[in-house]
Amino acid sequence: MQEENEKIIESWRDFLGLGVTLSVELGCTKLAVRDILELKDSSIIKLSRSTGEGVDVRVGDKSLLRGEIIVIEDRAGVRINEIITGIK
């Protein structure tokens, strides 16, 4: 497996320095415009995932990784738990 990974990395050698924007998705939901306009500071938006399901790390519209939110000193981070394979 290690040798296979090294071959894949080598085949991408020319692109390894390319910067990409990662986003972390906690979940999603649909709301009517009326409901969005009624949101207040204390409003709660119910998401499609439960707290134990973690988060997806995405590039564009593709999920690449799954992880969990962690706290490092005074900052939030994501611990990667799974690499998503078979991305189309």
PDB file of N, CA and C in Angstrom:
ATOM      1  N   MET A   1       0.834  -1.194   0.000  1.00  0.00           N
ATOM      2  CA  MET A   1       0.000   0.000   0.000  1.00  0.00           C
ATOM      3  C   MET A   1       0.873   1.250   0.000  1.00  0.00           C
ATOM      4  N   GLN A   2       1.944   1.267   0.806  1.00  0.00           N
ATOM      5  CA  GLN A   2       2.845   2.415   0.877  1.00  0.00           C
ATOM      6  C   GLN A   2       3.475   2.694  -0.485  1.00  0.00           C
ATOM      7  N   GLU A   3       3.916   1.646  -1.162  1.00  0.00           N
ATOM      8  CA  GLU A   3       4.535   1.808  -2.486  1.00  0.00           C
ATOM      9  C   GLU A   3       3.531   2.380  -3.483  1.00  0.00           C
ATOM     10  N   GLU A   4       2.306   1.901  -3.423  1.00  0.00           N
ATOM     11  CA  GLU A   4       1.261   2.410  -4.316  1.00  0.00           C
ATOM     12  C   GLU A   4       1.003   3.895  -4.056  1.00  0.00           C
ATOM     13  N   ASN A   5       0.941   4.277  -2.770  1.00  0.00           N
ATOM     14  CA  ASN A   5       0.742   5.690  -2.422  1.00  0.00           C
ATOM     15  C   ASN A   5       1.890   6.551  -2.925  1.00  0.00           C
ATOM     16  N   GLU A   6       3.108   6.061  -2.802  1.00  0.00           N
ATOM     17  CA  GLU A   6       4.263   6.815  -3.270  1.00  0.00           C
ATOM     18  C   GLU A   6       4.219   7.012  -4.786  1.00  0.00           C
ATOM     19  N   LYS A   7       3.753   6.011  -5.525  1.00  0.00           N
ATOM     20  CA  LYS A   7       3.623   6.146  -6.980  1.00  0.00           C
ATOM     21  C   LYS A   7       2.570   7.196  -7.331  1.00  0.00           C
ATOM     22  N   ILE A   8       1.477   7.195  -6.599  1.00  0.00           N
ATOM     23  CA  ILE A   8       0.419   8.186  -6.852  1.00  0.00           C
ATOM     24  C   ILE A   8       0.948   9.586  -6.578  1.00  0.00           C
ATOM     25  N   ILE A   9       1.635   9.751  -5.455  1.00  0.00           N
ATOM     26  CA  ILE A   9       2.200  11.063  -5.118  1.00  0.00           C
ATOM     27  C   ILE A   9       3.191  11.508  -6.183  1.00  0.00           C
ATOM     28  N   GLU A  10       4.032  10.617  -6.635  1.00  0.00           N
ATOM     29  CA  GLU A  10       5.021  10.960  -7.663  1.00  0.00           C
ATOM     30  C   GLU A  10       4.333  11.379  -8.964  1.00  0.00           C
ATOM     31  N   SER A  11       3.224  10.731  -9.315  1.00  0.00           N
ATOM     32  CA  SER A  11       2.516  11.083 -10.546  1.00  0.00           C
ATOM     33  C   SER A  11       1.898  12.482 -10.459  1.00  0.00           C
ATOM     34  N   TRP A  12       1.692  12.978  -9.245  1.00  0.00           N
ATOM     35  CA  TRP A  12       1.132  14.314  -9.037  1.00  0.00           C
ATOM     36  C   TRP A  12       2.216  15.335  -8.702  1.00  0.00           C
ATOM     37  N   ARG A  13       3.490  14.990  -8.865  1.00  0.00           N
ATOM     38  CA  ARG A  13       4.629  15.819  -8.465  1.00  0.00           C
ATOM     39  C   ARG A  13       4.490  17.269  -8.909  1.00  0.00           C
ATOM     40  N   ASP A  14       4.060  17.512 -10.131  1.00  0.00           N
ATOM     41  CA  ASP A  14       3.976  18.876 -10.665  1.00  0.00           C
ATOM     42  C   ASP A  14       2.858  19.702 -10.022  1.00  0.00           C
ATOM     43  N   PHE A  15       1.948  19.048  -9.313  1.00  0.00           N
ATOM     44  CA  PHE A  15       0.795  19.747  -8.747  1.00  0.00           C
ATOM     45  C   PHE A  15       0.846  19.836  -7.221  1.00  0.00           C
ATOM     46  N   LEU A  16       1.854  19.272  -6.581  1.00  0.00           N
ATOM     47  CA  LEU A  16       1.884  19.187  -5.127  1.00  0.00           C
ATOM     48  C   LEU A  16       1.958  20.542  -4.438  1.00  0.00           C
ATOM     49  N   GLY A  17       2.463  21.560  -5.108  1.00  0.00           N
ATOM     50  CA  GLY A  17       2.534  22.898  -4.525  1.00  0.00           C
ATOM     51  C   GLY A  17       1.303  23.754  -4.790  1.00  0.00           C
ATOM     52  N   LEU A  18       0.358  23.235  -5.548  1.00  0.00           N
ATOM     53  CA  LEU A  18      -0.850  23.971  -5.895  1.00  0.00           C
ATOM     54  C   LEU A  18      -1.729  24.161  -4.662  1.00  0.00           C
ATOM     55  N   GLY A  19      -2.112  25.398  -4.377  1.00  0.00           N
ATOM     56  CA  GLY A  19      -2.976  25.676  -3.233  1.00  0.00           C
ATOM     57  C   GLY A  19      -4.441  25.459  -3.577  1.00  0.00           C
ATOM     58  N   VAL A  20      -5.168  24.830  -2.677  1.00  0.00           N
ATOM     59  CA  VAL A  20      -6.609  24.647  -2.843  1.00  0.00           C
ATOM     60  C   VAL A  20      -7.304  25.088  -1.550  1.00  0.00           C
ATOM     61  N   THR A  21      -8.528  25.540  -1.672  1.00  0.00           N
ATOM     62  CA  THR A  21      -9.298  25.967  -0.519  1.00  0.00           C
ATOM     63  C   THR A  21     -10.110  24.790   0.004  1.00  0.00           C
ATOM     64  N   LEU A  22      -9.911  24.487   1.275  1.00  0.00           N
ATOM     65  CA  LEU A  22     -10.687  23.439   1.933  1.00  0.00           C
ATOM     66  C   LEU A  22     -11.810  24.098   2.718  1.00  0.00           C
ATOM     67  N   SER A  23     -12.961  23.456   2.745  1.00  0.00           N
ATOM     68  CA  SER A  23     -14.051  23.913   3.602  1.00  0.00           C
ATOM     69  C   SER A  23     -14.507  22.738   4.459  1.00  0.00           C
ATOM     70  N   VAL A  24     -15.048  23.046   5.606  1.00  0.00           N
ATOM     71  CA  VAL A  24     -15.522  22.020   6.527  1.00  0.00           C
ATOM     72  C   VAL A  24     -17.033  22.148   6.623  1.00  0.00           C
ATOM     73  N   GLU A  25     -17.732  21.082   6.303  1.00  0.00           N
ATOM     74  CA  GLU A  25     -19.191  21.097   6.298  1.00  0.00           C
ATOM     75  C   GLU A  25     -19.722  20.331   7.496  1.00  0.00           C
ATOM     76  N   LEU A  26     -20.443  21.041   8.362  1.00  0.00           N
ATOM     77  CA  LEU A  26     -21.054  20.414   9.531  1.00  0.00           C
ATOM     78  C   LEU A  26     -22.327  19.662   9.162  1.00  0.00           C
ATOM     79  N   GLY A  27     -23.004  20.090   8.136  1.00  0.00           N
ATOM     80  CA  GLY A  27     -24.273  19.503   7.715  1.00  0.00           C
ATOM     81  C   GLY A  27     -24.965  20.477   6.784  1.00  0.00           C
ATOM     82  N   CYS A  28     -26.154  20.132   6.369  1.00  0.00           N
ATOM     83  CA  CYS A  28     -26.901  21.033   5.497  1.00  0.00           C
ATOM     84  C   CYS A  28     -28.394  20.878   5.768  1.00  0.00           C
ATOM     85  N   THR A  29     -29.136  21.842   5.311  1.00  0.00           N
ATOM     86  CA  THR A  29     -30.582  21.823   5.452  1.00  0.00           C
ATOM     87  C   THR A  29     -31.177  22.756   4.411  1.00  0.00           C
ATOM     88  N   LYS A  30     -32.458  22.649   4.203  1.00  0.00           N
ATOM     89  CA  LYS A  30     -33.171  23.563   3.310  1.00  0.00           C
ATOM     90  C   LYS A  30     -34.137  24.381   4.142  1.00  0.00           C
ATOM     91  N   LEU A  31     -34.164  25.677   3.860  1.00  0.00           N
ATOM     92  CA  LEU A  31     -35.091  26.583   4.516  1.00  0.00           C
ATOM     93  C   LEU A  31     -35.781  27.429   3.464  1.00  0.00           C
ATOM     94  N   ALA A  32     -37.027  27.763   3.719  1.00  0.00           N
ATOM     95  CA  ALA A  32     -37.745  28.699   2.860  1.00  0.00           C
ATOM     96  C   ALA A  32     -37.177  30.088   3.095  1.00  0.00           C
ATOM     97  N   VAL A  33     -37.232  30.929   2.086  1.00  0.00           N
ATOM     98  CA  VAL A  33     -36.744  32.296   2.215  1.00  0.00           C
ATOM     99  C   VAL A  33     -37.419  32.983   3.396  1.00  0.00           C
ATOM    100  N   ARG A  34     -38.693  32.739   3.604  1.00  0.00           N
ATOM    101  CA  ARG A  34     -39.442  33.325   4.721  1.00  0.00           C
ATOM    102  C   ARG A  34     -38.770  32.968   6.053  1.00  0.00           C
ATOM    103  N   ASP A  35     -38.378  31.686   6.183  1.00  0.00           N
ATOM    104  CA  ASP A  35     -37.743  31.233   7.418  1.00  0.00           C
ATOM    105  C   ASP A  35     -36.364  31.866   7.608  1.00  0.00           C
ATOM    106  N   ILE A  36     -35.629  32.027   6.524  1.00  0.00           N
ATOM    107  CA  ILE A  36     -34.308  32.671   6.605  1.00  0.00           C
ATOM    108  C   ILE A  36     -34.448  34.119   7.064  1.00  0.00           C
ATOM    109  N   LEU A  37     -35.438  34.826   6.537  1.00  0.00           N
ATOM    110  CA  LEU A  37     -35.642  36.224   6.906  1.00  0.00           C
ATOM    111  C   LEU A  37     -36.073  36.382   8.358  1.00  0.00           C
ATOM    112  N   GLU A  38     -36.616  35.323   8.947  1.00  0.00           N
ATOM    113  CA  GLU A  38     -37.063  35.376  10.345  1.00  0.00           C
ATOM    114  C   GLU A  38     -35.974  34.974  11.340  1.00  0.00           C
ATOM    115  N   LEU A  39     -34.779  34.605  10.863  1.00  0.00           N
ATOM    116  CA  LEU A  39     -33.703  34.202  11.772  1.00  0.00           C
ATOM    117  C   LEU A  39     -33.263  35.383  12.636  1.00  0.00           C
ATOM    118  N   LYS A  40     -32.944  35.081  13.902  1.00  0.00           N
ATOM    119  CA  LYS A  40     -32.475  36.083  14.855  1.00  0.00           C
ATOM    120  C   LYS A  40     -31.151  35.614  15.432  1.00  0.00           C
ATOM    121  N   ASP A  41     -30.533  36.434  16.272  1.00  0.00           N
ATOM    122  CA  ASP A  41     -29.260  36.090  16.901  1.00  0.00           C
ATOM    123  C   ASP A  41     -29.309  34.766  17.655  1.00  0.00           C
ATOM    124  N   SER A  42     -30.417  34.456  18.271  1.00  0.00           N
ATOM    125  CA  SER A  42     -30.512  33.240  19.088  1.00  0.00           C
ATOM    126  C   SER A  42     -31.162  32.067  18.344  1.00  0.00           C
ATOM    127  N   SER A  43     -31.398  32.209  17.049  1.00  0.00           N
ATOM    128  CA  SER A  43     -32.055  31.151  16.275  1.00  0.00           C
ATOM    129  C   SER A  43     -31.160  29.921  16.171  1.00  0.00           C
ATOM    130  N   ILE A  44     -31.794  28.786  16.050  1.00  0.00           N
ATOM    131  CA  ILE A  44     -31.079  27.520  15.868  1.00  0.00           C
ATOM    132  C   ILE A  44     -31.510  26.928  14.536  1.00  0.00           C
ATOM    133  N   ILE A  45     -30.542  26.503  13.742  1.00  0.00           N
ATOM    134  CA  ILE A  45     -30.816  25.850  12.466  1.00  0.00           C
ATOM    135  C   ILE A  45     -30.492  24.376  12.632  1.00  0.00           C
ATOM    136  N   LYS A  46     -31.489  23.534  12.440  1.00  0.00           N
ATOM    137  CA  LYS A  46     -31.302  22.093  12.563  1.00  0.00           C
ATOM    138  C   LYS A  46     -30.615  21.566  11.302  1.00  0.00           C
ATOM    139  N   LEU A  47     -29.530  20.821  11.495  1.00  0.00           N
ATOM    140  CA  LEU A  47     -28.764  20.290  10.369  1.00  0.00           C
ATOM    141  C   LEU A  47     -29.117  18.826  10.123  1.00  0.00           C
ATOM    142  N   SER A  48     -28.643  18.322   8.994  1.00  0.00           N
ATOM    143  CA  SER A  48     -28.967  16.960   8.580  1.00  0.00           C
ATOM    144  C   SER A  48     -28.181  15.891   9.333  1.00  0.00           C
ATOM    145  N   ARG A  49     -27.179  16.280  10.105  1.00  0.00           N
ATOM    146  CA  ARG A  49     -26.352  15.311  10.817  1.00  0.00           C
ATOM    147  C   ARG A  49     -26.515  15.440  12.310  1.00  0.00           C
ATOM    148  N   SER A  50     -26.273  14.334  12.997  1.00  0.00           N
ATOM    149  CA  SER A  50     -26.240  14.388  14.448  1.00  0.00           C
ATOM    150  C   SER A  50     -24.820  14.711  14.890  1.00  0.00           C
ATOM    151  N   THR A  51     -24.645  15.039  16.153  1.00  0.00           N
ATOM    152  CA  THR A  51     -23.339  15.475  16.640  1.00  0.00           C
ATOM    153  C   THR A  51     -22.270  14.395  16.513  1.00  0.00           C
ATOM    154  N   GLY A  52     -22.621  13.141  16.590  1.00  0.00           N
ATOM    155  CA  GLY A  52     -21.635  12.074  16.504  1.00  0.00           C
ATOM    156  C   GLY A  52     -21.168  11.749  15.098  1.00  0.00           C
ATOM    157  N   GLU A  53     -21.793  12.301  14.096  1.00  0.00           N
ATOM    158  CA  GLU A  53     -21.456  11.959  12.720  1.00  0.00           C
ATOM    159  C   GLU A  53     -20.243  12.697  12.173  1.00  0.00           C
ATOM    160  N   GLY A  54     -19.779  13.733  12.852  1.00  0.00           N
ATOM    161  CA  GLY A  54     -18.587  14.429  12.405  1.00  0.00           C
ATOM    162  C   GLY A  54     -18.841  15.404  11.275  1.00  0.00           C
ATOM    163  N   VAL A  55     -17.751  15.741  10.571  1.00  0.00           N
ATOM    164  CA  VAL A  55     -17.788  16.761   9.528  1.00  0.00           C
ATOM    165  C   VAL A  55     -17.109  16.238   8.268  1.00  0.00           C
ATOM    166  N   ASP A  56     -17.453  16.823   7.135  1.00  0.00           N
ATOM    167  CA  ASP A  56     -16.776  16.529   5.873  1.00  0.00           C
ATOM    168  C   ASP A  56     -15.816  17.660   5.558  1.00  0.00           C
ATOM    169  N   VAL A  57     -14.629  17.313   5.083  1.00  0.00           N
ATOM    170  CA  VAL A  57     -13.679  18.293   4.575  1.00  0.00           C
ATOM    171  C   VAL A  57     -13.795  18.236   3.064  1.00  0.00           C
ATOM    172  N   ARG A  58     -14.068  19.392   2.460  1.00  0.00           N
ATOM    173  CA  ARG A  58     -14.395  19.442   1.040  1.00  0.00           C
ATOM    174  C   ARG A  58     -13.446  20.350   0.265  1.00  0.00           C
ATOM    175  N   VAL A  59     -13.280  20.020  -1.008  1.00  0.00           N
ATOM    176  CA  VAL A  59     -12.652  20.912  -1.980  1.00  0.00           C
ATOM    177  C   VAL A  59     -13.706  21.111  -3.050  1.00  0.00           C
ATOM    178  N   GLY A  60     -14.164  22.349  -3.195  1.00  0.00           N
ATOM    179  CA  GLY A  60     -15.263  22.608  -4.123  1.00  0.00           C
ATOM    180  C   GLY A  60     -16.499  21.853  -3.666  1.00  0.00           C
ATOM    181  N   ASP A  61     -17.079  21.067  -4.564  1.00  0.00           N
ATOM    182  CA  ASP A  61     -18.284  20.316  -4.213  1.00  0.00           C
ATOM    183  C   ASP A  61     -17.991  18.850  -3.907  1.00  0.00           C
ATOM    184  N   LYS A  62     -16.734  18.500  -3.681  1.00  0.00           N
ATOM    185  CA  LYS A  62     -16.336  17.106  -3.440  1.00  0.00           C
ATOM    186  C   LYS A  62     -15.853  16.914  -2.003  1.00  0.00           C
ATOM    187  N   SER A  63     -16.408  15.932  -1.303  1.00  0.00           N
ATOM    188  CA  SER A  63     -15.926  15.570   0.021  1.00  0.00           C
ATOM    189  C   SER A  63     -14.700  14.680  -0.137  1.00  0.00           C
ATOM    190  N   LEU A  64     -13.591  15.069   0.493  1.00  0.00           N
ATOM    191  CA  LEU A  64     -12.349  14.310   0.405  1.00  0.00           C
ATOM    192  C   LEU A  64     -12.049  13.540   1.685  1.00  0.00           C
ATOM    193  N   LEU A  65     -12.455  14.110   2.815  1.00  0.00           N
ATOM    194  CA  LEU A  65     -12.096  13.556   4.114  1.00  0.00           C
ATOM    195  C   LEU A  65     -13.279  13.661   5.065  1.00  0.00           C
ATOM    196  N   ARG A  66     -13.276  12.827   6.099  1.00  0.00           N
ATOM    197  CA  ARG A  66     -14.253  12.954   7.182  1.00  0.00           C
ATOM    198  C   ARG A  66     -13.476  13.052   8.482  1.00  0.00           C
ATOM    199  N   GLY A  67     -13.984  13.869   9.383  1.00  0.00           N
ATOM    200  CA  GLY A  67     -13.283  14.053  10.637  1.00  0.00           C
ATOM    201  C   GLY A  67     -14.201  14.524  11.741  1.00  0.00           C
ATOM    202  N   GLU A  68     -13.583  14.980  12.814  1.00  0.00           N
ATOM    203  CA  GLU A  68     -14.327  15.477  13.961  1.00  0.00           C
ATOM    204  C   GLU A  68     -13.724  16.801  14.410  1.00  0.00           C
ATOM    205  N   ILE A  69     -14.573  17.668  14.940  1.00  0.00           N
ATOM    206  CA  ILE A  69     -14.123  18.955  15.434  1.00  0.00           C
ATOM    207  C   ILE A  69     -13.369  18.730  16.753  1.00  0.00           C
ATOM    208  N   ILE A  70     -12.199  19.368  16.872  1.00  0.00           N
ATOM    209  CA  ILE A  70     -11.434  19.328  18.114  1.00  0.00           C
ATOM    210  C   ILE A  70     -11.024  20.750  18.481  1.00  0.00           C
ATOM    211  N   VAL A  71     -10.604  20.945  19.721  1.00  0.00           N
ATOM    212  CA  VAL A  71     -10.120  22.243  20.173  1.00  0.00           C
ATOM    213  C   VAL A  71      -8.639  22.109  20.467  1.00  0.00           C
ATOM    214  N   ILE A  72      -7.835  23.000  19.879  1.00  0.00           N
ATOM    215  CA  ILE A  72      -6.387  23.052  20.085  1.00  0.00           C
ATOM    216  C   ILE A  72      -6.096  24.419  20.691  1.00  0.00           C
ATOM    217  N   GLU A  73      -5.768  24.431  21.988  1.00  0.00           N
ATOM    218  CA  GLU A  73      -5.610  25.668  22.743  1.00  0.00           C
ATOM    219  C   GLU A  73      -6.898  26.473  22.623  1.00  0.00           C
ATOM    220  N   ASP A  74      -6.871  27.613  21.928  1.00  0.00           N
ATOM    221  CA  ASP A  74      -8.085  28.427  21.812  1.00  0.00           C
ATOM    222  C   ASP A  74      -8.666  28.410  20.402  1.00  0.00           C
ATOM    223  N   ARG A  75      -8.278  27.426  19.597  1.00  0.00           N
ATOM    224  CA  ARG A  75      -8.741  27.359  18.209  1.00  0.00           C
ATOM    225  C   ARG A  75      -9.418  26.022  17.924  1.00  0.00           C
ATOM    226  N   ALA A  76     -10.305  26.054  16.948  1.00  0.00           N
ATOM    227  CA  ALA A  76     -10.961  24.824  16.506  1.00  0.00           C
ATOM    228  C   ALA A  76     -10.146  24.190  15.394  1.00  0.00           C
ATOM    229  N   GLY A  77     -10.203  22.893  15.311  1.00  0.00           N
ATOM    230  CA  GLY A  77      -9.526  22.161  14.247  1.00  0.00           C
ATOM    231  C   GLY A  77     -10.342  20.941  13.870  1.00  0.00           C
ATOM    232  N   VAL A  78      -9.845  20.181  12.918  1.00  0.00           N
ATOM    233  CA  VAL A  78     -10.523  18.956  12.490  1.00  0.00           C
ATOM    234  C   VAL A  78      -9.521  17.814  12.554  1.00  0.00           C
ATOM    235  N   ARG A  79      -9.868  16.769  13.287  1.00  0.00           N
ATOM    236  CA  ARG A  79      -9.064  15.545  13.301  1.00  0.00           C
ATOM    237  C   ARG A  79      -9.608  14.649  12.191  1.00  0.00           C
ATOM    238  N   ILE A  80      -8.749  14.265  11.255  1.00  0.00           N
ATOM    239  CA  ILE A  80      -9.157  13.436  10.126  1.00  0.00           C
ATOM    240  C   ILE A  80      -9.312  11.996  10.579  1.00  0.00           C
ATOM    241  N   ASN A  81     -10.474  11.419  10.319  1.00  0.00           N
ATOM    242  CA  ASN A  81     -10.767  10.043  10.688  1.00  0.00           C
ATOM    243  C   ASN A  81     -10.864   9.111   9.487  1.00  0.00           C
ATOM    244  N   GLU A  82     -11.131   9.695   8.318  1.00  0.00           N
ATOM    245  CA  GLU A  82     -11.363   8.845   7.134  1.00  0.00           C
ATOM    246  C   GLU A  82     -11.014   9.604   5.872  1.00  0.00           C
ATOM    247  N   ILE A  83     -10.347   8.928   4.959  1.00  0.00           N
ATOM    248  CA  ILE A  83     -10.113   9.458   3.625  1.00  0.00           C
ATOM    249  C   ILE A  83     -11.158   8.834   2.716  1.00  0.00           C
ATOM    250  N   ILE A  84     -11.908   9.665   2.038  1.00  0.00           N
ATOM    251  CA  ILE A  84     -12.991   9.181   1.181  1.00  0.00           C
ATOM    252  C   ILE A  84     -12.405   8.739  -0.152  1.00  0.00           C
ATOM    253  N   THR A  85     -12.632   7.505  -0.502  1.00  0.00           N
ATOM    254  CA  THR A  85     -12.122   6.988  -1.776  1.00  0.00           C
ATOM    255  C   THR A  85     -13.253   6.916  -2.785  1.00  0.00           C
ATOM    256  N   GLY A  86     -12.900   6.746  -4.027  1.00  0.00           N
ATOM    257  CA  GLY A  86     -13.901   6.644  -5.086  1.00  0.00           C
ATOM    258  C   GLY A  86     -14.553   7.961  -5.423  1.00  0.00           C
ATOM    259  N   ILE A  87     -13.819   9.054  -5.313  1.00  0.00           N
ATOM    260  CA  ILE A  87     -14.359  10.386  -5.627  1.00  0.00           C
ATOM    261  C   ILE A  87     -14.552  10.483  -7.136  1.00  0.00           C
ATOM    262  N   LYS A  88     -15.725  10.943  -7.517  1.00  0.00           N
ATOM    263  CA  LYS A  88     -16.046  11.052  -8.945  1.00  0.00           C
ATOM    264  C   LYS A  88     -16.096  12.496  -9.352  1.00  0.00           C
TER     265      LYS A  88
END
